[in-house]
Amino acid sequence: MTLSICVLAKNNEDDLRKTLQSVQGDEIIVVDWSGKDKLKKAAQEFGAAFHVYEFSDDLPGAMSETIRFATGEWILFLHAGEALSKEDAEKLTTLKEADAYTFHVNEQDNVRLFRNFAAIHFEEGEPPQVEPILARIQATVQNSGINL
């Protein structure tokens, strides 16, 4: 299992560091949609590829931009400031039965770990989500038991 960690960041390098300290993957991709130079420096401290998304009012587009660069078989999408516990980070490597897994985030279950399907992107919603795409391609989705 190769894993791409994809993180969307805006304005807070401390939140970005918190997130990046909690995860390990084969590649780390950070997309900044604030244009702050300090975010680039924080991303580079962790060996992350860094990209800027300039359309600041398009959250689904910014989220999709983070996964566009992923080359791993699996994608873990996080917002800066979200962090996995050590136990949950280790659990990621055991999740292989389904095509996608939900995480419990802000009192909702949202898909955050998924296979890197060519068609995958975030669609409008509250919050933006990949679930409609997964349903259209008949991907299997399971609950990971992970809380963010």
N, C-alpha and C. Protein backbone atom coordinates (compact mmCIF):
# COMPACT_ATOMS: atom_id res chain seq x y z
N MET A 1 0.85 -1.19 0.00
CA MET A 1 0.00 0.00 0.00
C MET A 1 0.89 1.24 0.00
N THR A 2 0.82 2.04 -1.06
CA THR A 2 1.51 3.32 -1.04
C THR A 2 0.48 4.40 -0.71
N LEU A 3 0.88 5.31 0.13
CA LEU A 3 -0.05 6.30 0.68
C LEU A 3 0.42 7.71 0.39
N SER A 4 -0.47 8.50 -0.20
CA SER A 4 -0.24 9.93 -0.40
C SER A 4 -1.02 10.68 0.67
N ILE A 5 -0.31 11.48 1.46
CA ILE A 5 -0.94 12.33 2.46
C ILE A 5 -1.19 13.68 1.79
N CYS A 6 -2.45 14.08 1.69
CA CYS A 6 -2.81 15.32 1.01
C CYS A 6 -3.44 16.27 2.02
N VAL A 7 -2.84 17.44 2.18
CA VAL A 7 -3.27 18.38 3.22
C VAL A 7 -3.60 19.73 2.60
N LEU A 8 -4.76 20.25 2.94
CA LEU A 8 -5.15 21.59 2.54
C LEU A 8 -4.88 22.53 3.70
N ALA A 9 -4.12 23.60 3.44
CA ALA A 9 -3.72 24.52 4.51
C ALA A 9 -4.09 25.95 4.13
N LYS A 10 -4.39 26.73 5.16
CA LYS A 10 -4.70 28.14 4.94
C LYS A 10 -4.29 28.93 6.18
N ASN A 11 -3.28 29.77 6.04
CA ASN A 11 -2.91 30.79 7.03
C ASN A 11 -2.23 30.35 8.31
N ASN A 12 -2.12 29.07 8.62
CA ASN A 12 -1.58 28.73 9.94
C ASN A 12 -0.54 27.63 9.86
N GLU A 13 0.70 28.02 9.91
CA GLU A 13 1.79 27.04 9.81
C GLU A 13 1.86 26.14 11.04
N ASP A 14 1.40 26.60 12.21
CA ASP A 14 1.40 25.73 13.39
C ASP A 14 0.40 24.58 13.23
N ASP A 15 -0.78 24.88 12.66
CA ASP A 15 -1.75 23.82 12.38
C ASP A 15 -1.18 22.82 11.38
N LEU A 16 -0.49 23.33 10.37
CA LEU A 16 0.10 22.44 9.37
C LEU A 16 1.13 21.52 10.01
N ARG A 17 1.98 22.07 10.84
CA ARG A 17 2.99 21.25 11.52
C ARG A 17 2.33 20.16 12.38
N LYS A 18 1.28 20.53 13.10
CA LYS A 18 0.56 19.56 13.94
C LYS A 18 0.08 18.39 13.09
N THR A 19 -0.49 18.68 11.95
CA THR A 19 -0.99 17.62 11.06
C THR A 19 0.15 16.76 10.53
N LEU A 20 1.18 17.40 10.02
CA LEU A 20 2.27 16.65 9.40
C LEU A 20 3.06 15.82 10.40
N GLN A 21 3.11 16.25 11.64
CA GLN A 21 3.78 15.46 12.68
C GLN A 21 3.01 14.18 13.01
N SER A 22 1.73 14.14 12.70
CA SER A 22 0.89 13.00 13.10
C SER A 22 0.78 11.90 12.05
N VAL A 23 1.35 12.12 10.87
CA VAL A 23 1.14 11.16 9.78
C VAL A 23 2.46 10.79 9.11
N GLN A 24 2.45 9.63 8.47
CA GLN A 24 3.57 9.21 7.64
C GLN A 24 3.00 8.59 6.38
N GLY A 25 3.61 8.92 5.26
CA GLY A 25 3.17 8.36 4.00
C GLY A 25 4.32 8.28 3.04
N ASP A 26 4.04 7.74 1.87
CA ASP A 26 5.07 7.65 0.84
C ASP A 26 5.34 9.00 0.19
N GLU A 27 4.35 9.86 0.23
CA GLU A 27 4.53 11.24 -0.23
C GLU A 27 3.57 12.12 0.55
N ILE A 28 3.97 13.37 0.71
CA ILE A 28 3.14 14.36 1.38
C ILE A 28 2.95 15.52 0.42
N ILE A 29 1.70 15.91 0.25
CA ILE A 29 1.36 17.01 -0.65
C ILE A 29 0.59 18.05 0.16
N VAL A 30 1.06 19.28 0.12
CA VAL A 30 0.38 20.37 0.81
C VAL A 30 -0.05 21.38 -0.24
N VAL A 31 -1.32 21.74 -0.19
CA VAL A 31 -1.83 22.81 -1.04
C VAL A 31 -2.24 23.96 -0.15
N ASP A 32 -1.68 25.11 -0.44
CA ASP A 32 -1.93 26.35 0.30
C ASP A 32 -2.93 27.17 -0.49
N TRP A 33 -3.98 27.56 0.16
CA TRP A 33 -4.90 28.47 -0.53
C TRP A 33 -5.00 29.82 0.15
N SER A 34 -3.84 30.19 0.77
CA SER A 34 -3.76 31.52 1.37
C SER A 34 -2.61 32.35 0.81
N GLY A 35 -1.60 31.69 0.23
CA GLY A 35 -0.46 32.39 -0.34
C GLY A 35 0.56 32.87 0.68
N LYS A 36 0.57 32.28 1.87
CA LYS A 36 1.52 32.69 2.91
C LYS A 36 2.83 31.92 2.78
N ASP A 37 3.94 32.64 2.72
CA ASP A 37 5.24 32.01 2.57
C ASP A 37 5.60 31.08 3.73
N LYS A 38 5.13 31.36 4.93
CA LYS A 38 5.47 30.54 6.09
C LYS A 38 4.92 29.13 5.95
N LEU A 39 3.79 28.96 5.26
CA LEU A 39 3.24 27.62 5.05
C LEU A 39 4.19 26.79 4.18
N LYS A 40 4.78 27.41 3.19
CA LYS A 40 5.71 26.69 2.32
C LYS A 40 6.90 26.18 3.13
N LYS A 41 7.43 27.03 3.98
CA LYS A 41 8.58 26.64 4.81
C LYS A 41 8.21 25.48 5.74
N ALA A 42 7.02 25.55 6.36
CA ALA A 42 6.58 24.48 7.26
C ALA A 42 6.40 23.18 6.49
N ALA A 43 5.84 23.23 5.31
CA ALA A 43 5.66 22.02 4.49
C ALA A 43 7.00 21.41 4.12
N GLN A 44 7.95 22.25 3.75
CA GLN A 44 9.26 21.76 3.33
C GLN A 44 10.03 21.13 4.49
N GLU A 45 9.76 21.56 5.72
CA GLU A 45 10.39 20.94 6.90
C GLU A 45 10.08 19.44 6.97
N PHE A 46 8.94 19.03 6.40
CA PHE A 46 8.51 17.64 6.43
C PHE A 46 8.71 16.94 5.08
N GLY A 47 9.42 17.60 4.18
CA GLY A 47 9.68 17.00 2.87
C GLY A 47 8.47 16.96 1.96
N ALA A 48 7.50 17.81 2.22
CA ALA A 48 6.26 17.82 1.45
C ALA A 48 6.41 18.59 0.15
N ALA A 49 5.73 18.11 -0.88
CA ALA A 49 5.58 18.89 -2.10
C ALA A 49 4.59 20.01 -1.77
N PHE A 50 4.83 21.19 -2.30
CA PHE A 50 4.03 22.35 -1.94
C PHE A 50 3.47 23.00 -3.20
N HIS A 51 2.17 23.27 -3.19
CA HIS A 51 1.49 23.90 -4.32
C HIS A 51 0.57 24.99 -3.78
N VAL A 52 0.27 25.96 -4.62
CA VAL A 52 -0.63 27.05 -4.24
C VAL A 52 -1.88 26.98 -5.10
N TYR A 53 -3.02 27.11 -4.47
CA TYR A 53 -4.31 27.17 -5.17
C TYR A 53 -4.82 28.59 -5.01
N GLU A 54 -5.03 29.27 -6.12
CA GLU A 54 -5.29 30.71 -6.07
C GLU A 54 -6.75 31.12 -6.03
N PHE A 55 -7.67 30.17 -6.11
CA PHE A 55 -9.09 30.51 -6.12
C PHE A 55 -9.65 30.33 -4.72
N SER A 56 -9.48 31.34 -3.87
CA SER A 56 -9.71 31.21 -2.44
C SER A 56 -11.16 30.99 -2.03
N ASP A 57 -12.12 31.20 -2.92
CA ASP A 57 -13.52 31.01 -2.53
C ASP A 57 -14.08 29.67 -3.00
N ASP A 58 -13.25 28.79 -3.52
CA ASP A 58 -13.68 27.51 -4.07
C ASP A 58 -13.12 26.35 -3.23
N LEU A 59 -13.81 26.04 -2.12
CA LEU A 59 -13.31 24.99 -1.22
C LEU A 59 -13.26 23.62 -1.90
N PRO A 60 -14.30 23.17 -2.61
CA PRO A 60 -14.18 21.86 -3.27
C PRO A 60 -13.03 21.83 -4.28
N GLY A 61 -12.81 22.92 -4.98
CA GLY A 61 -11.70 22.99 -5.93
C GLY A 61 -10.36 22.92 -5.23
N ALA A 62 -10.22 23.62 -4.12
CA ALA A 62 -8.97 23.59 -3.35
C ALA A 62 -8.72 22.19 -2.80
N MET A 63 -9.76 21.54 -2.30
CA MET A 63 -9.62 20.19 -1.78
C MET A 63 -9.24 19.22 -2.90
N SER A 64 -9.86 19.37 -4.05
CA SER A 64 -9.54 18.51 -5.21
C SER A 64 -8.12 18.75 -5.69
N GLU A 65 -7.66 19.98 -5.59
CA GLU A 65 -6.30 20.30 -6.01
C GLU A 65 -5.28 19.51 -5.18
N THR A 66 -5.56 19.28 -3.91
CA THR A 66 -4.61 18.54 -3.07
C THR A 66 -4.44 17.11 -3.56
N ILE A 67 -5.53 16.49 -4.01
CA ILE A 67 -5.43 15.08 -4.42
C ILE A 67 -5.00 14.93 -5.87
N ARG A 68 -5.06 16.00 -6.64
CA ARG A 68 -4.67 15.95 -8.06
C ARG A 68 -3.21 15.54 -8.23
N PHE A 69 -2.37 15.87 -7.28
CA PHE A 69 -0.93 15.60 -7.38
C PHE A 69 -0.54 14.23 -6.82
N ALA A 70 -1.47 13.53 -6.20
CA ALA A 70 -1.15 12.27 -5.52
C ALA A 70 -0.79 11.16 -6.52
N THR A 71 0.26 10.42 -6.18
CA THR A 71 0.67 9.29 -7.02
C THR A 71 0.53 7.95 -6.28
N GLY A 72 0.23 7.98 -5.00
CA GLY A 72 0.09 6.74 -4.23
C GLY A 72 -1.17 5.98 -4.60
N GLU A 73 -1.20 4.70 -4.21
CA GLU A 73 -2.39 3.88 -4.44
C GLU A 73 -3.56 4.35 -3.59
N TRP A 74 -3.25 4.91 -2.43
CA TRP A 74 -4.25 5.41 -1.50
C TRP A 74 -3.99 6.88 -1.21
N ILE A 75 -5.07 7.59 -0.90
CA ILE A 75 -5.00 9.01 -0.53
C ILE A 75 -5.62 9.20 0.84
N LEU A 76 -4.90 9.89 1.70
CA LEU A 76 -5.45 10.34 2.98
C LEU A 76 -5.57 11.85 2.89
N PHE A 77 -6.80 12.37 2.94
CA PHE A 77 -7.01 13.81 2.86
C PHE A 77 -7.24 14.37 4.26
N LEU A 78 -6.52 15.44 4.58
CA LEU A 78 -6.67 16.12 5.87
C LEU A 78 -6.65 17.63 5.66
N HIS A 79 -7.32 18.33 6.55
CA HIS A 79 -7.16 19.79 6.64
C HIS A 79 -6.06 20.06 7.65
N ALA A 80 -5.29 21.12 7.44
CA ALA A 80 -4.28 21.51 8.42
C ALA A 80 -4.97 21.72 9.77
N GLY A 81 -4.36 21.19 10.80
CA GLY A 81 -4.92 21.26 12.14
C GLY A 81 -5.52 19.94 12.59
N GLU A 82 -5.91 19.10 11.62
CA GLU A 82 -6.40 17.76 11.97
C GLU A 82 -5.19 16.86 12.18
N ALA A 83 -5.29 15.98 13.17
CA ALA A 83 -4.16 15.10 13.47
C ALA A 83 -4.68 13.72 13.86
N LEU A 84 -3.90 12.72 13.51
CA LEU A 84 -4.21 11.35 13.88
C LEU A 84 -3.46 10.99 15.16
N SER A 85 -4.08 10.21 16.01
CA SER A 85 -3.35 9.66 17.15
C SER A 85 -2.35 8.64 16.61
N LYS A 86 -1.38 8.28 17.42
CA LYS A 86 -0.39 7.29 17.00
C LYS A 86 -1.07 5.97 16.64
N GLU A 87 -2.06 5.57 17.45
CA GLU A 87 -2.78 4.32 17.21
C GLU A 87 -3.53 4.37 15.88
N ASP A 88 -4.20 5.49 15.62
CA ASP A 88 -4.95 5.63 14.37
C ASP A 88 -4.02 5.70 13.16
N ALA A 89 -2.88 6.34 13.31
CA ALA A 89 -1.91 6.40 12.20
C ALA A 89 -1.43 4.98 11.86
N GLU A 90 -1.20 4.17 12.87
CA GLU A 90 -0.78 2.78 12.63
C GLU A 90 -1.91 1.96 12.01
N LYS A 91 -3.13 2.27 12.38
CA LYS A 91 -4.30 1.55 11.87
C LYS A 91 -4.46 1.73 10.36
N LEU A 92 -4.01 2.85 9.82
CA LEU A 92 -4.16 3.12 8.39
C LEU A 92 -3.63 1.98 7.53
N THR A 93 -2.52 1.38 7.93
CA THR A 93 -1.90 0.34 7.11
C THR A 93 -2.71 -0.96 7.11
N THR A 94 -3.65 -1.10 8.01
CA THR A 94 -4.47 -2.32 8.07
C THR A 94 -5.76 -2.20 7.28
N LEU A 95 -6.11 -1.02 6.84
CA LEU A 95 -7.37 -0.79 6.14
C LEU A 95 -7.19 -1.07 4.65
N LYS A 96 -7.57 -2.27 4.22
CA LYS A 96 -7.35 -2.66 2.83
C LYS A 96 -8.55 -3.35 2.19
N GLU A 97 -9.59 -3.63 2.96
CA GLU A 97 -10.70 -4.41 2.44
C GLU A 97 -11.63 -3.62 1.53
N ALA A 98 -11.86 -2.36 1.84
CA ALA A 98 -12.78 -1.53 1.07
C ALA A 98 -11.99 -0.62 0.13
N ASP A 99 -12.73 0.13 -0.68
CA ASP A 99 -12.11 1.12 -1.58
C ASP A 99 -11.95 2.47 -0.90
N ALA A 100 -12.71 2.69 0.17
CA ALA A 100 -12.68 3.98 0.87
C ALA A 100 -13.13 3.78 2.30
N TYR A 101 -12.69 4.71 3.17
CA TYR A 101 -13.01 4.62 4.60
C TYR A 101 -13.44 5.98 5.12
N THR A 102 -14.48 5.96 5.96
CA THR A 102 -14.93 7.19 6.60
C THR A 102 -14.17 7.40 7.90
N PHE A 103 -14.00 8.66 8.25
CA PHE A 103 -13.46 9.10 9.53
C PHE A 103 -14.57 9.92 10.19
N HIS A 104 -14.62 9.92 11.51
CA HIS A 104 -15.59 10.74 12.22
C HIS A 104 -14.98 12.13 12.42
N VAL A 105 -15.58 13.14 11.76
CA VAL A 105 -15.06 14.50 11.76
C VAL A 105 -16.20 15.47 12.06
N ASN A 106 -16.05 16.27 13.10
CA ASN A 106 -17.06 17.28 13.44
C ASN A 106 -18.47 16.69 13.47
N GLU A 107 -18.61 15.58 14.18
CA GLU A 107 -19.89 14.92 14.38
C GLU A 107 -20.51 14.35 13.10
N GLN A 108 -19.69 14.15 12.07
CA GLN A 108 -20.13 13.53 10.82
C GLN A 108 -19.14 12.48 10.41
N ASP A 109 -19.59 11.51 9.62
CA ASP A 109 -18.68 10.54 9.02
C ASP A 109 -18.43 10.97 7.58
N ASN A 110 -17.16 11.22 7.27
CA ASN A 110 -16.77 11.65 5.92
C ASN A 110 -15.64 10.76 5.42
N VAL A 111 -15.67 10.46 4.14
CA VAL A 111 -14.59 9.68 3.55
C VAL A 111 -13.33 10.54 3.53
N ARG A 112 -12.26 10.04 4.12
CA ARG A 112 -10.98 10.74 4.15
C ARG A 112 -9.85 9.87 3.63
N LEU A 113 -10.04 8.55 3.60
CA LEU A 113 -9.03 7.63 3.08
C LEU A 113 -9.68 6.86 1.94
N PHE A 114 -9.05 6.92 0.76
CA PHE A 114 -9.66 6.28 -0.40
C PHE A 114 -8.59 5.92 -1.44
N ARG A 115 -8.95 4.93 -2.25
CA ARG A 115 -8.07 4.54 -3.35
C ARG A 115 -7.96 5.70 -4.33
N ASN A 116 -6.83 5.79 -4.98
CA ASN A 116 -6.56 6.89 -5.91
C ASN A 116 -7.17 6.58 -7.28
N PHE A 117 -8.50 6.66 -7.33
CA PHE A 117 -9.22 6.47 -8.59
C PHE A 117 -9.04 7.69 -9.48
N ALA A 118 -8.93 7.49 -10.77
CA ALA A 118 -8.73 8.61 -11.71
C ALA A 118 -9.89 9.62 -11.63
N ALA A 119 -11.09 9.16 -11.38
CA ALA A 119 -12.26 10.03 -11.39
C ALA A 119 -12.46 10.80 -10.10
N ILE A 120 -11.66 10.53 -9.10
CA ILE A 120 -11.94 11.07 -7.76
C ILE A 120 -11.69 12.57 -7.67
N HIS A 121 -12.64 13.28 -7.07
CA HIS A 121 -12.50 14.70 -6.74
C HIS A 121 -13.60 15.05 -5.74
N PHE A 122 -13.45 16.20 -5.11
CA PHE A 122 -14.44 16.64 -4.13
C PHE A 122 -15.54 17.41 -4.85
N GLU A 123 -16.77 17.14 -4.46
CA GLU A 123 -17.93 17.83 -5.02
C GLU A 123 -18.54 18.75 -3.97
N GLU A 124 -19.36 19.69 -4.44
CA GLU A 124 -20.05 20.61 -3.54
C GLU A 124 -20.82 19.83 -2.48
N GLY A 125 -20.89 20.38 -1.32
CA GLY A 125 -21.62 19.79 -0.21
C GLY A 125 -21.16 20.47 1.06
N GLU A 126 -21.77 20.10 2.15
CA GLU A 126 -21.37 20.67 3.44
C GLU A 126 -20.99 19.54 4.37
N PRO A 127 -19.76 19.16 4.47
CA PRO A 127 -18.60 19.71 3.76
C PRO A 127 -18.49 19.11 2.36
N PRO A 128 -17.61 19.68 1.51
CA PRO A 128 -17.36 19.05 0.20
C PRO A 128 -16.94 17.60 0.41
N GLN A 129 -17.32 16.73 -0.51
CA GLN A 129 -17.08 15.32 -0.29
C GLN A 129 -16.81 14.55 -1.58
N VAL A 130 -16.20 13.37 -1.41
CA VAL A 130 -15.93 12.47 -2.54
C VAL A 130 -16.98 11.37 -2.63
N GLU A 131 -17.87 11.28 -1.65
CA GLU A 131 -18.84 10.20 -1.60
C GLU A 131 -19.69 10.07 -2.87
N PRO A 132 -20.18 11.16 -3.49
CA PRO A 132 -20.97 10.99 -4.71
C PRO A 132 -20.19 10.29 -5.84
N ILE A 133 -18.93 10.62 -5.98
CA ILE A 133 -18.10 9.97 -7.00
C ILE A 133 -17.95 8.49 -6.68
N LEU A 134 -17.66 8.18 -5.42
CA LEU A 134 -17.49 6.78 -5.02
C LEU A 134 -18.76 5.98 -5.29
N ALA A 135 -19.92 6.59 -5.05
CA ALA A 135 -21.19 5.90 -5.32
C ALA A 135 -21.35 5.64 -6.82
N ARG A 136 -21.00 6.62 -7.64
CA ARG A 136 -21.16 6.46 -9.10
C ARG A 136 -20.26 5.37 -9.66
N ILE A 137 -19.08 5.20 -9.07
CA ILE A 137 -18.18 4.15 -9.57
C ILE A 137 -18.35 2.85 -8.79
N GLN A 138 -19.34 2.80 -7.93
CA GLN A 138 -19.70 1.62 -7.13
C GLN A 138 -18.54 1.13 -6.26
N ALA A 139 -17.84 2.07 -5.66
CA ALA A 139 -16.75 1.74 -4.74
C ALA A 139 -17.33 1.32 -3.40
N THR A 140 -16.63 0.44 -2.72
CA THR A 140 -17.07 0.02 -1.39
C THR A 140 -16.52 0.99 -0.34
N VAL A 141 -17.37 1.34 0.62
CA VAL A 141 -17.00 2.29 1.67
C VAL A 141 -17.29 1.65 3.02
N GLN A 142 -16.32 1.73 3.93
CA GLN A 142 -16.49 1.21 5.29
C GLN A 142 -16.08 2.28 6.29
N ASN A 143 -16.53 2.11 7.53
CA ASN A 143 -16.14 3.01 8.60
C ASN A 143 -14.78 2.56 9.13
N SER A 144 -13.87 3.51 9.29
CA SER A 144 -12.52 3.19 9.76
C SER A 144 -12.43 3.09 11.28
N GLY A 145 -13.39 3.71 11.98
CA GLY A 145 -13.30 3.79 13.43
C GLY A 145 -12.33 4.87 13.89
N ILE A 146 -11.87 5.71 12.97
CA ILE A 146 -10.92 6.78 13.29
C ILE A 146 -11.66 8.09 13.49
N ASN A 147 -11.31 8.81 14.55
CA ASN A 147 -11.87 10.12 14.84
C ASN A 147 -10.82 11.19 14.61
N LEU A 148 -11.22 12.28 13.98
CA LEU A 148 -10.33 13.42 13.82
C LEU A 148 -10.79 14.55 14.71
